[in-house]
Amino acid sequence: MTLLFYAQPYDISAVGFYFETIEEYDKKASGLKNRSGDKVEEFEIQFIDGEDIDTAFAAAWGLSQCNIAAFIEAALEWEDDHKTRYVLAVGECGYDHEQVAIDPDRVDIDIYHLDSMKELAEQFVDEGLFGDIPERLQFYLDYDAIARDLAVDYSETEIAGQRLIYRCA
């Protein structure tokens, strides 16, 4: 997997640079000078290219020159489901970065890979979460009404082109 970033200097008389690794960033940043020959020290870090999930992950992470090393490490090591959990926890549920970055599995979020609340309602009925409903009566259930009720506690979103339904605990 390749990640591409751009370090945009806050000094308008300096030209930024692209980088893929933290080593490359450190090397280029340490040698960058502005037009007057002064060392450039502050950069805005921009996510340029990578997988769709990494784009969402970078947006939720809030990239800066202080956390770019930790982000690159996490982006390369974490599985996509951990990244998705992070995006939901920090971006949607209001969790603090530190709470989630240590261990995304510790975050209490229910995630369903479904396209609609109605599908969630159907899944819950099939799993028996509304009690034992005889199969012959399931045709008479109003799944749209159940879906509207579920929408009080559950939300829908799209991350990296994938529809998700989730509930923050």
C-alpha atoms as a PDB file:
ATOM      1  CA  MET A   1       0.000   0.000   0.000  1.00  0.00           C
ATOM      2  CA  THR A   2       1.312   3.423  -0.938  1.00  0.00           C
ATOM      3  CA  LEU A   3       0.428   6.607   0.862  1.00  0.00           C
ATOM      4  CA  LEU A   4       1.315  10.004  -0.534  1.00  0.00           C
ATOM      5  CA  PHE A   5       1.401  13.256   1.451  1.00  0.00           C
ATOM      6  CA  TYR A   6       2.323  16.862   0.809  1.00  0.00           C
ATOM      7  CA  ALA A   7       4.048  19.098   3.350  1.00  0.00           C
ATOM      8  CA  GLN A   8       2.881  22.662   2.674  1.00  0.00           C
ATOM      9  CA  PRO A   9       5.086  25.200   4.497  1.00  0.00           C
ATOM     10  CA  TYR A  10       3.317  27.964   6.402  1.00  0.00           C
ATOM     11  CA  ASP A  11       6.170  30.195   5.198  1.00  0.00           C
ATOM     12  CA  ILE A  12       4.879  31.496   1.848  1.00  0.00           C
ATOM     13  CA  SER A  13       8.402  32.010   0.539  1.00  0.00           C
ATOM     14  CA  ALA A  14       9.166  28.280   0.711  1.00  0.00           C
ATOM     15  CA  VAL A  15       8.129  25.444  -1.588  1.00  0.00           C
ATOM     16  CA  GLY A  16       6.623  22.278  -0.108  1.00  0.00           C
ATOM     17  CA  PHE A  17       7.363  18.687  -0.946  1.00  0.00           C
ATOM     18  CA  TYR A  18       5.728  15.298  -1.440  1.00  0.00           C
ATOM     19  CA  PHE A  19       6.651  12.330   0.748  1.00  0.00           C
ATOM     20  CA  GLU A  20       5.599   8.739   1.380  1.00  0.00           C
ATOM     21  CA  THR A  21       7.451   7.764   4.565  1.00  0.00           C
ATOM     22  CA  ILE A  22       8.307   9.503   7.817  1.00  0.00           C
ATOM     23  CA  GLU A  23      12.003   9.100   7.027  1.00  0.00           C
ATOM     24  CA  GLU A  24      11.506  10.905   3.721  1.00  0.00           C
ATOM     25  CA  TYR A  25       9.531  13.654   5.508  1.00  0.00           C
ATOM     26  CA  ASP A  26      12.230  14.109   8.169  1.00  0.00           C
ATOM     27  CA  LYS A  27      15.005  14.290   5.575  1.00  0.00           C
ATOM     28  CA  LYS A  28      13.214  16.798   3.325  1.00  0.00           C
ATOM     29  CA  ALA A  29      11.830  18.907   6.191  1.00  0.00           C
ATOM     30  CA  SER A  30      15.192  19.216   7.940  1.00  0.00           C
ATOM     31  CA  GLY A  31      16.854  20.590   4.825  1.00  0.00           C
ATOM     32  CA  LEU A  32      14.118  22.929   3.584  1.00  0.00           C
ATOM     33  CA  LYS A  33      14.948  26.627   3.427  1.00  0.00           C
ATOM     34  CA  ASN A  34      12.875  29.625   2.362  1.00  0.00           C
ATOM     35  CA  ARG A  35      13.996  32.229  -0.195  1.00  0.00           C
ATOM     36  CA  SER A  36      15.975  34.068   2.492  1.00  0.00           C
ATOM     37  CA  GLY A  37      17.900  30.940   3.434  1.00  0.00           C
ATOM     38  CA  ASP A  38      16.116  30.478   6.762  1.00  0.00           C
ATOM     39  CA  LYS A  39      15.089  27.025   7.936  1.00  0.00           C
ATOM     40  CA  VAL A  40      11.396  26.198   7.473  1.00  0.00           C
ATOM     41  CA  GLU A  41       9.913  24.632  10.600  1.00  0.00           C
ATOM     42  CA  GLU A  42       6.123  24.525  10.286  1.00  0.00           C
ATOM     43  CA  PHE A  43       4.093  22.591   7.749  1.00  0.00           C
ATOM     44  CA  GLU A  44       0.507  21.778   6.985  1.00  0.00           C
ATOM     45  CA  ILE A  45       0.325  18.065   6.188  1.00  0.00           C
ATOM     46  CA  GLN A  46      -2.054  17.118   3.379  1.00  0.00           C
ATOM     47  CA  PHE A  47      -3.161  13.606   2.480  1.00  0.00           C
ATOM     48  CA  ILE A  48      -2.803  13.317  -1.311  1.00  0.00           C
ATOM     49  CA  ASP A  49      -3.261   9.694  -2.339  1.00  0.00           C
ATOM     50  CA  GLY A  50      -4.004   6.265  -0.919  1.00  0.00           C
ATOM     51  CA  GLU A  51      -6.867   3.812  -0.555  1.00  0.00           C
ATOM     52  CA  ASP A  52     -10.361   5.256  -0.001  1.00  0.00           C
ATOM     53  CA  ILE A  53     -10.394   4.002   3.592  1.00  0.00           C
ATOM     54  CA  ASP A  54      -7.095   5.789   4.220  1.00  0.00           C
ATOM     55  CA  THR A  55      -8.572   9.040   2.928  1.00  0.00           C
ATOM     56  CA  ALA A  56     -11.400   8.821   5.468  1.00  0.00           C
ATOM     57  CA  PHE A  57      -8.935   7.667   8.133  1.00  0.00           C
ATOM     58  CA  ALA A  58      -6.666  10.684   7.512  1.00  0.00           C
ATOM     59  CA  ALA A  59      -9.603  13.103   7.681  1.00  0.00           C
ATOM     60  CA  ALA A  60     -10.744  11.690  11.024  1.00  0.00           C
ATOM     61  CA  TRP A  61      -7.153  11.576  12.365  1.00  0.00           C
ATOM     62  CA  GLY A  62      -6.619  15.305  11.729  1.00  0.00           C
ATOM     63  CA  LEU A  63      -3.147  15.164  10.206  1.00  0.00           C
ATOM     64  CA  SER A  64      -0.449  17.498  11.452  1.00  0.00           C
ATOM     65  CA  GLN A  65       3.303  17.429  11.589  1.00  0.00           C
ATOM     66  CA  CYS A  66       3.000  16.355  15.243  1.00  0.00           C
ATOM     67  CA  ASN A  67       1.040  13.178  14.488  1.00  0.00           C
ATOM     68  CA  ILE A  68       2.065  12.221  10.948  1.00  0.00           C
ATOM     69  CA  ALA A  69       4.499   9.514  12.136  1.00  0.00           C
ATOM     70  CA  ALA A  70       1.818   7.830  14.267  1.00  0.00           C
ATOM     71  CA  PHE A  71      -0.690   8.106  11.412  1.00  0.00           C
ATOM     72  CA  ILE A  72       1.625   6.485   8.858  1.00  0.00           C
ATOM     73  CA  GLU A  73       2.377   3.663  11.293  1.00  0.00           C
ATOM     74  CA  ALA A  74      -1.318   3.077  11.997  1.00  0.00           C
ATOM     75  CA  ALA A  75      -2.313   3.343   8.318  1.00  0.00           C
ATOM     76  CA  LEU A  76       0.222   0.691   7.361  1.00  0.00           C
ATOM     77  CA  GLU A  77      -0.426  -1.672  10.288  1.00  0.00           C
ATOM     78  CA  TRP A  78      -4.164  -1.458  11.025  1.00  0.00           C
ATOM     79  CA  GLU A  79      -6.738  -3.577   9.230  1.00  0.00           C
ATOM     80  CA  ASP A  80      -9.525  -1.793   7.347  1.00  0.00           C
ATOM     81  CA  ASP A  81     -12.097  -2.665  10.010  1.00  0.00           C
ATOM     82  CA  HIS A  82      -9.972  -0.929  12.669  1.00  0.00           C
ATOM     83  CA  LYS A  83      -9.699   2.138  10.457  1.00  0.00           C
ATOM     84  CA  THR A  84     -13.467   2.126   9.917  1.00  0.00           C
ATOM     85  CA  ARG A  85     -14.039   1.796  13.665  1.00  0.00           C
ATOM     86  CA  TYR A  86     -11.668   4.747  14.250  1.00  0.00           C
ATOM     87  CA  VAL A  87     -13.425   6.917  11.648  1.00  0.00           C
ATOM     88  CA  LEU A  88     -16.813   6.211  13.217  1.00  0.00           C
ATOM     89  CA  ALA A  89     -15.615   6.614  16.808  1.00  0.00           C
ATOM     90  CA  VAL A  90     -13.726   9.881  16.333  1.00  0.00           C
ATOM     91  CA  GLY A  91     -15.592  11.356  13.378  1.00  0.00           C
ATOM     92  CA  GLU A  92     -19.168  10.416  14.243  1.00  0.00           C
ATOM     93  CA  CYS A  93     -19.436   9.321  17.882  1.00  0.00           C
ATOM     94  CA  GLY A  94     -17.304  11.979  19.552  1.00  0.00           C
ATOM     95  CA  TYR A  95     -14.617   9.750  21.011  1.00  0.00           C
ATOM     96  CA  ASP A  96     -11.218  11.293  21.710  1.00  0.00           C
ATOM     97  CA  HIS A  97      -8.341  10.311  19.426  1.00  0.00           C
ATOM     98  CA  GLU A  98      -6.301   8.983  22.348  1.00  0.00           C
ATOM     99  CA  GLN A  99      -9.115   6.665  23.473  1.00  0.00           C
ATOM    100  CA  VAL A 100      -9.371   5.029  20.071  1.00  0.00           C
ATOM    101  CA  ALA A 101      -5.792   5.102  18.765  1.00  0.00           C
ATOM    102  CA  ILE A 102      -4.544   2.879  21.589  1.00  0.00           C
ATOM    103  CA  ASP A 103      -6.940   0.049  20.722  1.00  0.00           C
ATOM    104  CA  PRO A 104      -9.839   0.548  18.288  1.00  0.00           C
ATOM    105  CA  ASP A 105     -11.450  -2.704  19.484  1.00  0.00           C
ATOM    106  CA  ARG A 106     -12.088  -1.190  22.922  1.00  0.00           C
ATOM    107  CA  VAL A 107     -14.537   1.316  21.456  1.00  0.00           C
ATOM    108  CA  ASP A 108     -18.149   0.296  22.013  1.00  0.00           C
ATOM    109  CA  ILE A 109     -19.745   0.746  18.582  1.00  0.00           C
ATOM    110  CA  ASP A 110     -22.091  -1.644  16.823  1.00  0.00           C
ATOM    111  CA  ILE A 111     -21.384  -1.693  13.079  1.00  0.00           C
ATOM    112  CA  TYR A 112     -23.508  -3.393  10.408  1.00  0.00           C
ATOM    113  CA  HIS A 113     -22.495  -3.626   6.769  1.00  0.00           C
ATOM    114  CA  LEU A 114     -25.992  -3.050   5.395  1.00  0.00           C
ATOM    115  CA  ASP A 115     -27.498  -0.619   2.913  1.00  0.00           C
ATOM    116  CA  SER A 116     -30.564   0.527   4.856  1.00  0.00           C
ATOM    117  CA  MET A 117     -32.366   0.601   8.165  1.00  0.00           C
ATOM    118  CA  LYS A 118     -34.977  -1.682   6.650  1.00  0.00           C
ATOM    119  CA  GLU A 119     -32.307  -4.335   6.074  1.00  0.00           C
ATOM    120  CA  LEU A 120     -31.261  -3.929   9.702  1.00  0.00           C
ATOM    121  CA  ALA A 121     -34.888  -4.388  10.804  1.00  0.00           C
ATOM    122  CA  GLU A 122     -35.152  -7.566   8.708  1.00  0.00           C
ATOM    123  CA  GLN A 123     -31.873  -8.886  10.137  1.00  0.00           C
ATOM    124  CA  PHE A 124     -33.013  -8.219  13.716  1.00  0.00           C
ATOM    125  CA  VAL A 125     -36.300 -10.037  13.111  1.00  0.00           C
ATOM    126  CA  ASP A 126     -34.451 -12.977  11.532  1.00  0.00           C
ATOM    127  CA  GLU A 127     -32.088 -13.132  14.527  1.00  0.00           C
ATOM    128  CA  GLY A 128     -35.024 -13.174  16.939  1.00  0.00           C
ATOM    129  CA  LEU A 129     -34.265  -9.863  18.642  1.00  0.00           C
ATOM    130  CA  PHE A 130     -37.991  -9.071  18.700  1.00  0.00           C
ATOM    131  CA  GLY A 131     -38.886 -12.451  20.137  1.00  0.00           C
ATOM    132  CA  ASP A 132     -39.988 -15.619  18.462  1.00  0.00           C
ATOM    133  CA  ILE A 133     -42.144 -14.582  15.509  1.00  0.00           C
ATOM    134  CA  PRO A 134     -43.613 -17.473  13.529  1.00  0.00           C
ATOM    135  CA  GLU A 135     -42.446 -17.462   9.920  1.00  0.00           C
ATOM    136  CA  ARG A 136     -46.005 -17.295   8.586  1.00  0.00           C
ATOM    137  CA  LEU A 137     -46.519 -13.969  10.431  1.00  0.00           C
ATOM    138  CA  GLN A 138     -43.271 -12.353   9.283  1.00  0.00           C
ATOM    139  CA  PHE A 139     -44.936 -11.395   5.987  1.00  0.00           C
ATOM    140  CA  TYR A 140     -47.285  -9.101   7.925  1.00  0.00           C
ATOM    141  CA  LEU A 141     -44.591  -7.176   9.788  1.00  0.00           C
ATOM    142  CA  ASP A 142     -44.110  -3.512   8.930  1.00  0.00           C
ATOM    143  CA  TYR A 143     -40.342  -3.443   8.451  1.00  0.00           C
ATOM    144  CA  ASP A 144     -40.446   0.237   7.484  1.00  0.00           C
ATOM    145  CA  ALA A 145     -41.978   1.091  10.876  1.00  0.00           C
ATOM    146  CA  ILE A 146     -39.363  -1.016  12.663  1.00  0.00           C
ATOM    147  CA  ALA A 147     -36.671   0.749  10.617  1.00  0.00           C
ATOM    148  CA  ARG A 148     -38.002   4.166  11.688  1.00  0.00           C
ATOM    149  CA  ASP A 149     -37.863   3.041  15.323  1.00  0.00           C
ATOM    150  CA  LEU A 150     -34.300   1.754  14.888  1.00  0.00           C
ATOM    151  CA  ALA A 151     -33.274   5.109  13.395  1.00  0.00           C
ATOM    152  CA  VAL A 152     -33.652   6.634  16.863  1.00  0.00           C
ATOM    153  CA  ASP A 153     -30.602   4.685  18.087  1.00  0.00           C
ATOM    154  CA  TYR A 154     -28.797   3.836  14.847  1.00  0.00           C
ATOM    155  CA  SER A 155     -27.292   6.048  12.142  1.00  0.00           C
ATOM    156  CA  GLU A 156     -26.328   5.507   8.517  1.00  0.00           C
ATOM    157  CA  THR A 157     -23.130   6.630   6.832  1.00  0.00           C
ATOM    158  CA  GLU A 158     -20.811   5.812   3.963  1.00  0.00           C
ATOM    159  CA  ILE A 159     -17.095   5.253   4.447  1.00  0.00           C
ATOM    160  CA  ALA A 160     -14.798   4.466   1.549  1.00  0.00           C
ATOM    161  CA  GLY A 161     -17.773   3.697  -0.709  1.00  0.00           C
ATOM    162  CA  GLN A 162     -19.296   1.239   1.743  1.00  0.00           C
ATOM    163  CA  ARG A 163     -22.701   1.837   3.364  1.00  0.00           C
ATOM    164  CA  LEU A 164     -22.749   1.240   7.105  1.00  0.00           C
ATOM    165  CA  ILE A 165     -25.255   1.383   9.899  1.00  0.00           C
ATOM    166  CA  TYR A 166     -23.849   1.993  13.355  1.00  0.00           C
ATOM    167  CA  ARG A 167     -24.769   2.707  16.939  1.00  0.00           C
ATOM    168  CA  CYS A 168     -22.538   4.583  19.353  1.00  0.00           C
ATOM    169  CA  ALA A 169     -22.724   3.298  22.898  1.00  0.00           C
END
